[in-house]
Each structure stands twice: as structure tokens, then as C-alpha cells.
Protein backbone atom coordinates (compact mmCIF):
# COMPACT_ATOMS: atom_id res chain seq x y z
CA UNK A 1 -0.08 0.05 -0.08
CA UNK A 2 2.98 2.29 0.48
CA UNK A 3 2.75 5.31 -2.16
CA UNK A 4 5.87 7.12 -3.08
CA UNK A 5 5.67 10.47 -4.58
CA UNK A 6 5.71 14.35 -3.49
CA UNK A 7 3.74 15.69 -0.62
CA UNK A 8 0.76 17.43 -2.26
CA UNK A 9 0.10 19.88 0.52
CA UNK A 10 2.01 21.09 3.56
CA UNK A 11 1.12 19.99 7.10
CA UNK A 12 -0.52 23.30 7.87
CA UNK A 13 -3.14 22.89 5.23
CA UNK A 14 -6.40 21.24 6.25
CA UNK A 15 -7.36 19.41 3.08
CA UNK A 16 -5.76 17.25 0.42
CA UNK A 17 -7.51 16.36 -2.76
CA UNK A 18 -7.10 13.79 -5.63
CA UNK A 19 -9.41 14.41 -8.57
CA UNK A 20 -9.94 14.06 -12.33
CA UNK A 21 -12.76 14.89 -14.71
CA UNK A 22 -15.14 12.18 -13.16
CA UNK A 23 -14.61 12.55 -9.20
CA UNK A 24 -13.24 14.67 -6.55
CA UNK A 25 -12.05 13.20 -3.18
CA UNK A 26 -10.79 15.05 -0.25
CA UNK A 27 -9.35 14.16 3.03
CA UNK A 28 -9.05 16.41 6.16
CA UNK A 29 -5.48 16.41 7.53
CA UNK A 30 -6.39 17.72 10.86
CA UNK A 31 -9.02 15.01 11.30
CA UNK A 32 -6.68 12.05 10.82
CA UNK A 33 -6.88 12.09 6.90
CA UNK A 34 -10.35 10.73 7.00
CA UNK A 35 -12.50 11.24 3.83
CA UNK A 36 -14.58 14.40 4.28
CA UNK A 37 -15.41 15.25 0.65
CA UNK A 38 -16.63 13.05 -2.24
CA UNK A 39 -18.31 14.71 -5.22
CA UNK A 40 -18.49 14.89 -9.03
CA UNK A 41 -16.60 17.91 -10.17
CA UNK A 42 -18.64 21.00 -9.38
CA UNK A 43 -21.33 18.94 -7.75
CA UNK A 44 -22.34 18.80 -3.93
CA UNK A 45 -20.36 17.01 -1.48
CA UNK A 46 -22.03 13.88 -0.27
CA UNK A 47 -20.05 13.13 3.04
CA UNK A 48 -21.19 14.32 6.50
CA UNK A 49 -18.93 15.65 9.12
CA UNK A 50 -21.18 16.70 12.01
CA UNK A 51 -18.68 15.42 14.39
CA UNK A 52 -15.53 13.26 14.44
CA UNK A 53 -17.34 10.04 14.49
CA UNK A 54 -18.73 10.31 10.91
CA UNK A 55 -16.98 10.85 7.49
CA UNK A 56 -15.59 7.85 5.56
CA UNK A 57 -13.02 6.36 7.85
CA UNK A 58 -11.42 3.36 9.26
CA UNK A 59 -12.90 2.16 12.72
CA UNK A 60 -12.08 -0.96 14.64
CA UNK A 61 -13.06 -2.80 17.73
CA UNK A 62 -11.36 -5.21 20.20
CA UNK A 63 -11.14 -5.85 23.90
CA UNK A 64 -11.31 -5.04 26.70
CA UNK A 65 -15.06 -4.81 26.70
CA UNK A 66 -14.95 -1.70 28.79
CA UNK A 67 -11.67 0.02 27.97
CA UNK A 68 -10.10 2.47 30.41
CA UNK A 69 -6.60 3.82 30.49
CA UNK A 70 -5.32 5.10 33.79
CA UNK A 71 -5.03 8.93 33.76
CA UNK A 72 -7.40 9.50 30.75
CA UNK A 73 -10.93 10.59 30.72
CA UNK A 74 -13.59 8.60 29.13
CA UNK A 75 -16.80 10.16 27.69
CA UNK A 76 -19.91 9.17 30.08
CA UNK A 77 -22.01 8.71 26.81
CA UNK A 78 -19.67 5.89 25.65
CA UNK A 79 -18.90 4.53 29.04
CA UNK A 80 -19.21 0.86 28.33
CA UNK A 81 -17.25 1.16 24.92
CA UNK A 82 -14.36 -1.10 24.17
CA UNK A 83 -10.96 -0.39 22.65
CA UNK A 84 -12.09 1.65 19.60
CA UNK A 85 -9.46 3.56 17.36
CA UNK A 86 -11.10 5.63 14.66
CA UNK A 87 -9.27 7.62 11.93
CA UNK A 88 -10.76 10.96 12.44
CA UNK A 89 -10.48 11.56 16.26
CA UNK A 90 -12.32 11.17 19.41
CA UNK A 91 -15.58 12.20 21.08
CA UNK A 92 -13.84 15.24 22.72
CA UNK A 93 -13.15 16.68 19.26
CA UNK A 94 -9.54 15.90 19.23
CA UNK A 95 -8.34 15.06 15.72
CA UNK A 96 -6.07 12.16 15.16
CA UNK A 97 -2.53 12.73 14.09
CA UNK A 98 -1.42 12.56 10.43
CA UNK A 99 2.08 11.16 10.17
CA UNK A 100 2.39 11.54 6.45
CA UNK A 101 0.38 12.08 3.27
CA UNK A 102 1.28 11.71 -0.38
CA UNK A 103 -0.30 12.12 -3.88
CA UNK A 104 1.09 10.33 -6.83
CA UNK A 105 -0.96 10.33 -10.00
CA UNK A 106 -4.49 9.32 -9.19
CA UNK A 107 -3.83 7.96 -5.73
CA UNK A 108 -3.75 9.71 -2.37
CA UNK A 109 -2.01 7.96 0.62
CA UNK A 110 -2.43 8.99 4.43
CA UNK A 111 -0.76 7.50 7.35
CA UNK A 112 -2.36 8.12 10.77
CA UNK A 113 -2.00 7.47 14.44
CA UNK A 114 -5.74 7.27 15.42
CA UNK A 115 -7.25 8.38 18.67
CA UNK A 116 -9.60 6.07 20.72
CA UNK A 117 -13.28 7.33 20.03
CA UNK A 118 -14.51 7.35 23.67
CA UNK A 119 -11.34 8.67 25.25
CA UNK A 120 -10.02 12.27 25.72
CA UNK A 121 -6.90 12.53 23.61
CA UNK A 122 -5.81 8.88 24.06
CA UNK A 123 -3.97 7.75 20.83
CA UNK A 124 -4.35 4.16 19.93
CA UNK A 125 -1.24 1.96 19.96
CA UNK A 126 -1.62 1.29 16.27
CA UNK A 127 -1.24 2.96 12.88
CA UNK A 128 -3.73 3.25 10.10
CA UNK A 129 -2.95 3.65 6.39
CA UNK A 130 -5.30 4.64 3.74
CA UNK A 131 -4.77 4.61 -0.10
CA UNK A 132 -7.64 6.18 -2.38
CA UNK A 133 -7.21 5.76 -6.01
CA UNK A 134 -9.73 7.19 -8.28
CA UNK A 135 -10.79 5.66 -11.52
CA UNK A 136 -10.19 6.92 -14.97
CA UNK A 137 -13.48 5.50 -16.52
CA UNK A 138 -16.03 6.97 -14.16
CA UNK A 139 -16.97 8.52 -10.80
CA UNK A 140 -15.60 5.74 -8.57
CA UNK A 141 -12.74 5.16 -6.34
CA UNK A 142 -10.85 2.03 -4.86
CA UNK A 143 -10.52 2.49 -1.11
CA UNK A 144 -7.71 0.39 0.64
CA UNK A 145 -7.02 0.42 4.17
CA UNK A 146 -4.41 -1.13 6.62
CA UNK A 147 -4.19 -1.50 10.39
CA UNK A 148 -0.89 -2.18 12.08
CA UNK A 149 -1.44 -2.91 15.84
CA UNK A 150 1.38 -2.25 18.42
CA UNK A 151 -0.60 -2.76 21.56
CA UNK A 152 1.13 -3.18 24.73
CA UNK A 153 -1.92 -5.37 25.90
CA UNK A 154 -1.09 -8.82 24.48
CA UNK A 155 -4.33 -10.55 25.31
CA UNK A 156 -6.19 -12.31 22.61
CA UNK A 157 -9.72 -10.96 22.89
CA UNK A 158 -12.69 -12.48 21.15
CA UNK A 159 -13.66 -11.58 17.69
CA UNK A 160 -15.58 -8.23 17.18
CA UNK A 161 -17.53 -6.69 14.61
CA UNK A 162 -15.43 -4.25 12.30
CA UNK A 163 -16.61 -1.32 10.17
CA UNK A 164 -14.77 -1.67 6.81
CA UNK A 165 -15.30 1.29 6.42
CA UNK A 166 -17.82 3.50 7.97
CA UNK A 167 -19.67 5.80 5.49
CA UNK A 168 -21.82 8.84 6.45
CA UNK A 169 -23.58 10.79 3.94
CA UNK A 170 -25.45 14.17 4.18
CA UNK A 171 -29.17 14.19 4.75
CA UNK A 172 -30.41 14.35 1.08
CA UNK A 173 -28.83 10.93 0.59
CA UNK A 174 -31.20 9.31 3.19
CA UNK A 175 -32.53 6.13 1.30
CA UNK A 176 -30.47 3.00 2.10
CA UNK A 177 -30.85 0.70 -0.85
CA UNK A 178 -29.62 -2.84 -1.57
CA UNK A 179 -30.62 -6.36 -2.41
CA UNK A 180 -30.94 -9.05 0.39
CA UNK A 181 -32.80 -11.95 -1.45
CA UNK A 182 -31.40 -15.34 -2.13
CA UNK A 183 -31.18 -14.90 -6.04
CA UNK A 184 -28.48 -12.30 -6.40
CA UNK A 185 -27.91 -10.63 -9.81
CA UNK A 186 -31.17 -12.09 -11.40
CA UNK A 187 -32.81 -8.72 -11.64
CA UNK A 188 -35.05 -9.08 -8.54
CA UNK A 189 -36.39 -5.88 -6.93
CA UNK A 190 -34.21 -3.98 -4.70
CA UNK A 191 -35.04 -3.12 -0.97
CA UNK A 192 -34.96 0.15 1.00
CA UNK A 193 -33.50 -0.71 4.53
CA UNK A 194 -35.10 1.59 7.15
CA UNK A 195 -34.50 1.62 10.85
CA UNK A 196 -38.10 2.72 11.22
CA UNK A 197 -38.58 0.52 14.46
CA UNK A 198 -36.76 3.31 16.44
CA UNK A 199 -35.62 6.04 14.39
CA UNK A 200 -33.25 7.87 14.69
CA UNK A 201 -31.41 5.02 16.54
CA UNK A 202 -30.23 2.33 16.44
CA UNK A 203 -28.99 1.03 13.02
CA UNK A 204 -30.32 -1.97 11.33
CA UNK A 205 -28.36 -5.06 10.19
CA UNK A 206 -28.82 -6.94 6.89
CA UNK A 207 -26.87 -9.22 4.64
CA UNK A 208 -26.15 -7.70 1.18
CA UNK A 209 -26.05 -10.79 -1.04
CA UNK A 210 -25.22 -8.78 -4.06
CA UNK A 211 -22.22 -7.31 -2.06
CA UNK A 212 -23.28 -3.64 -2.20
CA UNK A 213 -25.42 -1.05 -0.63
CA UNK A 214 -26.06 2.55 -1.47
CA UNK A 215 -27.32 5.77 0.06
CA UNK A 216 -29.25 7.70 -2.47
CA UNK A 217 -31.70 10.84 -2.66
CA UNK A 218 -35.21 10.85 -3.75
CA UNK A 219 -34.30 10.76 -7.39
CA UNK A 220 -32.20 7.54 -6.73
CA UNK A 221 -28.78 8.74 -7.18
CA UNK A 222 -25.92 8.85 -4.52
CA UNK A 223 -23.08 6.77 -3.30
CA UNK A 224 -22.63 3.04 -3.43
CA UNK A 225 -20.10 0.63 -1.80
CA UNK A 226 -19.21 -2.67 -3.39
CA UNK A 227 -17.33 -5.23 -1.47
CA UNK A 228 -15.34 -8.31 -2.44
CA UNK A 229 -17.37 -10.66 -0.51
CA UNK A 230 -21.04 -10.91 0.87
CA UNK A 231 -20.95 -8.87 3.81
CA UNK A 232 -23.23 -8.04 6.84
CA UNK A 233 -24.04 -4.27 6.70
CA UNK A 234 -25.13 -1.91 9.36
CA UNK A 235 -26.99 1.28 8.33
CA UNK A 236 -29.93 3.60 8.69
CA UNK A 237 -30.76 7.23 8.98
CA UNK A 238 -30.16 9.39 12.05
CA UNK A 239 -31.85 12.89 12.57
CA UNK A 240 -35.13 14.44 12.72
CA UNK A 241 -35.66 15.48 8.95
CA UNK A 242 -35.03 12.93 6.13
CA UNK A 243 -33.88 14.40 2.81
CA UNK A 244 -32.12 17.68 4.12
CA UNK A 245 -29.15 18.94 5.72
CA UNK A 246 -25.59 19.79 4.80
CA UNK A 247 -22.19 18.37 5.91
CA UNK A 248 -22.61 20.12 9.36
CA UNK A 249 -26.01 18.76 9.82
CA UNK A 250 -26.93 16.29 12.33
CA UNK A 251 -29.04 14.63 9.62
CA UNK A 252 -27.13 11.71 8.11
CA UNK A 253 -27.39 8.46 6.35
CA UNK A 254 -25.00 5.75 7.44
CA UNK A 255 -23.83 2.43 5.91
CA UNK A 256 -20.97 0.23 6.74
CA UNK A 257 -19.97 -3.18 5.47
CA UNK A 258 -18.96 -5.29 8.46
CA UNK A 259 -16.76 -8.23 9.19
CA UNK A 260 -16.06 -10.03 12.49
CA UNK A 261 -12.39 -10.26 13.20
CA UNK A 262 -9.87 -11.30 15.84
CA UNK A 263 -7.50 -8.20 16.07
CA UNK A 264 -4.32 -9.47 17.68
CA UNK A 265 -2.09 -7.08 19.55
CA UNK A 266 0.43 -7.03 16.68
CA UNK A 267 -1.82 -7.83 13.66
CA UNK A 268 -1.49 -6.28 10.29
CA UNK A 269 -5.08 -6.28 8.91
CA UNK A 270 -6.02 -5.10 5.31
CA UNK A 271 -9.25 -4.62 3.37
CA UNK A 272 -10.48 -2.93 0.16
CA UNK A 273 -13.69 -1.80 -1.33
CA UNK A 274 -15.04 0.19 -4.35
CA UNK A 275 -17.16 3.23 -3.99
CA UNK A 276 -19.16 4.70 -6.90
CA UNK A 277 -21.31 7.82 -7.40
CA UNK A 278 -24.30 7.32 -9.72
CA UNK A 279 -27.79 5.81 -10.05
CA UNK A 280 -28.90 2.53 -8.31
CA UNK A 281 -28.64 0.84 -11.76
CA UNK A 282 -25.02 1.93 -12.27
CA UNK A 283 -24.08 1.06 -8.80
CA UNK A 284 -25.73 -2.35 -9.06
CA UNK A 285 -23.96 -3.03 -12.45
CA UNK A 286 -20.60 -2.17 -10.92
CA UNK A 287 -21.19 -4.88 -8.17
CA UNK A 288 -22.20 -7.32 -10.75
CA UNK A 289 -19.12 -6.61 -12.77
CA UNK A 290 -16.77 -6.92 -9.66
CA UNK A 291 -18.62 -10.42 -8.70
CA UNK A 292 -18.68 -12.00 -12.16
CA UNK A 293 -15.51 -14.07 -12.01
CA UNK A 294 -16.02 -15.44 -8.59
CA UNK A 295 -16.74 -19.18 -7.96
CA UNK A 296 -17.92 -21.06 -4.95
CA UNK A 297 -16.62 -19.91 -1.54
CA UNK A 298 -13.25 -21.22 -0.50
CA UNK A 299 -10.82 -20.37 2.31
CA UNK A 300 -7.07 -21.11 2.72
CA UNK A 301 -5.31 -20.66 6.00
CA UNK A 302 -1.70 -20.54 5.03
CA UNK A 303 -1.10 -16.99 6.25
CA UNK A 304 -4.43 -15.56 7.42
CA UNK A 305 -7.62 -16.53 9.24
CA UNK A 306 -9.53 -15.25 6.37
CA UNK A 307 -12.15 -13.67 8.68
CA UNK A 308 -12.88 -17.00 10.36
CA UNK A 309 -13.23 -16.76 14.13
CA UNK A 310 -13.92 -18.89 17.21
CA UNK A 311 -16.63 -19.74 19.83
CA UNK A 312 -15.24 -21.33 22.88
CA UNK A 313 -11.60 -21.09 21.47
CA UNK A 314 -8.51 -19.08 20.95
CA UNK A 315 -5.28 -19.81 18.96
CA UNK A 316 -1.63 -19.09 19.11
CA UNK A 317 -2.01 -15.53 17.79
CA UNK A 318 -0.67 -13.47 14.69
CA UNK A 319 1.16 -14.32 12.54
CA UNK A 320 -0.10 -18.02 12.09
CA UNK A 321 2.57 -20.51 12.74
CA UNK A 322 4.84 -21.77 9.97
CA UNK A 323 2.83 -24.08 7.71
CA UNK A 324 -0.25 -22.08 8.53
CA UNK A 325 -3.57 -23.51 9.68
CA UNK A 326 -6.17 -22.53 12.30
CA UNK A 327 -5.26 -24.52 15.59
CA UNK A 328 -7.73 -23.21 18.31
CA UNK A 329 -7.79 -24.68 21.74
CA UNK A 330 -11.07 -24.68 23.89
CA UNK A 331 -11.39 -21.83 26.39
CA UNK A 332 -13.95 -24.01 28.30
CA UNK A 333 -12.83 -27.69 28.73
CA UNK A 334 -15.43 -30.41 27.88
CA UNK A 335 -16.96 -28.42 24.88
CA UNK A 336 -15.78 -28.42 21.36
CA UNK A 337 -14.29 -25.41 19.60
CA UNK A 338 -16.51 -23.91 16.96
CA UNK A 339 -14.83 -22.31 13.95
CA UNK A 340 -17.22 -19.85 12.39
CA UNK A 341 -16.88 -18.56 8.77
CA UNK A 342 -17.52 -15.00 7.59
CA UNK A 343 -20.79 -14.45 5.96
CA UNK A 344 -20.82 -15.53 2.31
CA UNK A 345 -23.37 -16.73 -0.24
CA UNK A 346 -23.96 -19.80 -2.44
CA UNK A 347 -26.97 -21.73 -3.56
CA UNK A 348 -27.28 -25.37 -2.44
CA UNK A 349 -27.68 -26.64 -6.02
CA UNK A 350 -24.35 -25.23 -7.02
CA UNK A 351 -22.22 -26.95 -4.25
CA UNK A 352 -22.75 -30.82 -3.69
CA UNK A 353 -20.05 -31.13 -1.09
CA UNK A 354 -17.40 -29.41 1.14
CA UNK A 355 -13.72 -30.46 1.31
CA UNK A 356 -11.90 -29.67 4.70
CA UNK A 357 -8.14 -30.15 4.72
CA UNK A 358 -6.97 -30.77 8.24
CA UNK A 359 -4.24 -32.37 10.48
CA UNK A 360 -5.21 -34.00 13.70
CA UNK A 361 -3.12 -35.65 16.52
CA UNK A 362 -5.86 -38.41 16.80
CA UNK A 363 -9.02 -39.75 15.01
CA UNK A 364 -12.33 -38.24 16.03
CA UNK A 365 -15.50 -36.71 14.96
CA UNK A 366 -16.47 -33.09 13.76
CA UNK A 367 -19.85 -31.60 13.14
CA UNK A 368 -20.35 -29.34 9.93
CA UNK A 369 -23.19 -26.57 10.05
CA UNK A 370 -24.47 -24.31 7.35
CA UNK A 371 -26.35 -21.12 7.73
CA UNK A 372 -29.52 -20.14 5.70
CA UNK A 373 -30.60 -16.74 4.37
CA UNK A 374 -31.93 -14.26 6.92
CA UNK A 375 -35.83 -13.61 6.66
CA UNK A 376 -36.86 -10.28 5.19
CA UNK A 377 -37.98 -9.01 8.52
CA UNK A 378 -34.62 -9.46 10.07
CA UNK A 379 -33.38 -6.27 8.00
CA UNK A 380 -35.92 -4.12 9.90
CA UNK A 381 -36.27 -5.76 13.32
CA UNK A 382 -33.07 -6.21 15.28
CA UNK A 383 -34.61 -8.79 17.65
CA UNK A 384 -35.25 -11.00 14.46
CA UNK A 385 -31.81 -10.28 13.16
CA UNK A 386 -30.39 -11.44 16.58
CA UNK A 387 -32.66 -14.60 16.69
CA UNK A 388 -31.59 -15.53 12.99
CA UNK A 389 -27.93 -15.05 13.78
CA UNK A 390 -27.93 -16.79 17.07
CA UNK A 391 -29.95 -19.73 15.93
CA UNK A 392 -28.84 -19.94 12.32
CA UNK A 393 -26.25 -22.67 13.02
CA UNK A 394 -28.51 -25.60 14.11
CA UNK A 395 -28.28 -29.39 14.43
CA UNK A 396 -31.15 -29.55 11.92
CA UNK A 397 -28.71 -28.01 9.18
CA UNK A 398 -25.55 -30.15 9.96
CA UNK A 399 -23.91 -33.29 9.23
CA UNK A 400 -21.16 -35.32 11.05
CA UNK A 401 -17.91 -36.61 9.53
CA UNK A 402 -14.86 -38.60 10.79
CA UNK A 403 -11.45 -36.90 11.43
CA UNK A 404 -8.72 -39.13 10.37
CA UNK A 405 -5.36 -39.05 12.31
CA UNK A 406 -2.26 -37.52 10.48
CA UNK A 407 -0.99 -34.50 8.56
CA UNK A 408 -2.84 -32.68 5.75
CA UNK A 409 -5.81 -35.08 5.15
CA UNK A 410 -8.64 -34.06 2.89
CA UNK A 411 -12.02 -34.97 4.16
CA UNK A 412 -14.82 -34.58 1.48
CA UNK A 413 -18.38 -34.20 3.01
CA UNK A 414 -21.46 -34.74 0.98
CA UNK A 415 -23.88 -31.92 1.49
CA UNK A 416 -26.41 -32.54 -1.40
CA UNK A 417 -29.53 -34.42 -0.22
CA UNK A 418 -28.96 -33.59 3.57
CA UNK A 419 -31.91 -32.36 5.43
CA UNK A 420 -32.09 -28.57 5.42
CA UNK A 421 -29.50 -28.15 2.64
CA UNK A 422 -31.41 -26.18 0.21
CA UNK A 423 -31.96 -22.67 -1.24
CA UNK A 424 -29.61 -19.71 -0.56
CA UNK A 425 -26.83 -20.35 2.03
CA UNK A 426 -24.74 -17.79 3.89
CA UNK A 427 -22.15 -19.36 6.13
CA UNK A 428 -20.54 -22.43 7.63
CA UNK A 429 -19.30 -23.58 11.16
CA UNK A 430 -17.42 -26.61 12.31
CA UNK A 431 -17.30 -28.06 15.77
CA UNK A 432 -13.89 -29.73 16.51
CA UNK A 433 -12.22 -31.48 19.38
CA UNK A 434 -9.01 -30.22 20.67
CA UNK A 435 -5.85 -31.16 18.60
CA UNK A 436 -7.13 -30.33 15.20
CA UNK A 437 -5.62 -27.89 12.77
CA UNK A 438 -7.80 -26.69 9.77
CA UNK A 439 -5.69 -25.80 6.64
CA UNK A 440 -8.50 -24.95 4.14
CA UNK A 441 -12.28 -25.24 3.65
CA UNK A 442 -13.58 -25.31 0.06
CA UNK A 443 -17.03 -25.80 -1.34
CA UNK A 444 -17.10 -28.11 -4.36
CA UNK A 445 -19.55 -28.52 -7.19
CA UNK A 446 -19.40 -32.22 -7.10
């Protein structure tokens, strides 16, 4: 991600821009280099900056659950918040420090020491890097982010939801649109997602099975974000008046692709996404184009967890050991470790089996689970989302398989014909005994 080139503006300047005939993108250098401006040339800015918790920015979460640092003040409103470095700054209006910024051609690069959101001027023990590359063929940008942790607290905390990234738009772009059905890219109708159960808070959660969401105005144009994999999204509208408000207004639309990650004390974590200005048809077509070449979900664990995480388990930390693989040990004895995949999507008829490559100290048994597609109501009622999430991996949608003793064995498990294996599916989980290392999980057509 490192960008070489000349510094485009001095440290005393507030803004740095990268632009062409299609799009103009600006970052605020007094606010951690977060994106505070996205527009078509001569057009209105879409990005909201009411406070330092908005913008387009990196934001991460990890333990402890109620972070507190001796000698540092914590905002009462965020009293139970965990460790939460964000790019822009903190709840006390202290901007995060920009270490460097460069522009080379169509790419703007920023390196930041972020503040912890709920704390008063408490710099996170980490570095964020952001690279924004604008496209030459239309009003879109590639957003790349990297977090490098340098925490003195070396505990491995449980996985937490991560905003990758957080995106806040001005009030006119209040309609949150996406597709959540089980037949992606077949032309089925889109959905408007509303947090109408309790506006203006909290946000709703939904699974974007076409890998995109957009905040648009009443005419149906705005900003969309397309991600490389199917993601859970959080989003909605906050404020008292939909459809109005500038970048300093409390009125704001919000959307964020999410992932659940273990953020080790020394991890280097990266992600990317594409943002596009345009109509819903143009945003949806961009997502279709980006997804066109992808096959069935498959995960290799040579150097990364690939967004898998554990229930009742922890591993040896980052980086993964030589030879790779996930080797969690139970945190509560007498219960299996559960490996949980990130959200994804495939149709049952496209994958007849799954192959698990593993090493085991002894023969044993494992249980493989699959998750179905959330019901439509789950996208508007948080209680139904939680019910689906927490009960989605059930014995009724699972099969058992033998674990052979030895190194790098490939176990193929037939899924076609199993009870409950049908329709659109959105994730896997594996219950394992102690002493097993998983090297890869691959869905197979046959």
C-alpha cells in the first residue's frame, strides 16, 4: 500500500484532494486524513462531518469490553465502549495525528495514528494507512485500508464486528438501498432498508447478497459501496428530517460493510472496497461486474484466518505458525471449539459437497453446520436479526464426519440431499475436538 511521490500539500493545510474529470475526493489532515469530501466535479459534497465520528473512515473494535486507561478521561455517553481506534479523532473533538500524506498520480495516501473514540486525547497503539485511487473511466474510487497494531496489551480478545469502512452521507442521501434476497444478480427488486422501528437509533443489520449497498436521494442517485465478498451491513438514517441537511447537519445516512475479526495485539489487517457515484442501476452493475468471475466460496489458511473466528476457542495469535492453519484450543474444557466462517453466499444446488483439509493428533468426529438466508423482517427488526444470527447454525442443518489421524488429510463431506441443505446459504461452522488444525475449507460443485 505504500505510495511514493511528493507531498501534495503542507502539514498546515487542512485538506488534500485527488481528482479528475469524473470525481473529486478530499481528506481532512487535521482529522486523521479521513475522507470528508466526495463529489463529482462542481457537484455537491455527499459526506457528512457533523462530528469526528462520521466521515468515511477506518474504525475498529477489540477488547477489553470496557476500555479504560489510567489517567485518561472517558466520555460518559460511551462509558461501556471497548478499545475503539477511529481515523478521524475522538468524542472530545481531538483530531487524530497524520504522520504523512502523499499524492502520486490518481492515488492519495495517508498514514495516521488514530485516537480512541470514547477517550479524551488517547492515541491508539496502532497505525492506520489509507490509499484512495480514483478511476479513469467513471466517478468511482478504490479504497484500501491497513491497520498495524502495536498494543502493549497482548491478550487475545474474542472477535468483534469491524466497520470496513464507516460511511456517513449528508441528509439528502437518506434512502439506504440494497438487495437482500437469495437470487442475487437475477434482476429481482431492490429493497429500501429503514431503521423505522426506532428512528433515529439504532442502526439495522442486513446481509447484502449482491455485495453492495447505497445511500441515495429521492431521485435515486448517490454513493454506493461494493465489497469483494458478501457482507453483513449496518446502516440507517439518524436525524429529525429525512432528505435535508449539509455536511455540518445532524441529519445523516449511514452504511458500513461489516466483518467479524480477531484483532491481535500485533496484527497487520487489510481490506479494500470500491465506491461509486451514480444511479442505483449503475451501482448495481458495478457490483455485478466485480463479482462476475468469482466461484464457490473457498478459504485457505496459510497466512491468514480469512475472517474465520471462534466460539469457545483461541489460537496462538498472529502471525499464524509456519505451515499455516487454524489451531484453536478450547477456552472451556469439555466443549468443542466452534470455527465460524464469515458471511458468504452460495446456492445449495451449486455446491454438492465441502472439502476440509486438516491435520489431527488423533482420530475423532466433527460436526459441520450451514447457515440459511435471513428472513426479510430481520433487516428491519433487530430482535429478528439476533434470533436468526444466534440460531442459524442448528443441528437440523448439519452433518457429522470422521476426522482421520495424521497430517494434511482432505475430508470430503457430501451436502447434497442432507436435510435442510437447500436454497440460498450464507455461512459455515465446524465443531472440532482439541488437537485439530484446519488448513483449508472449500465448497465443491461435485
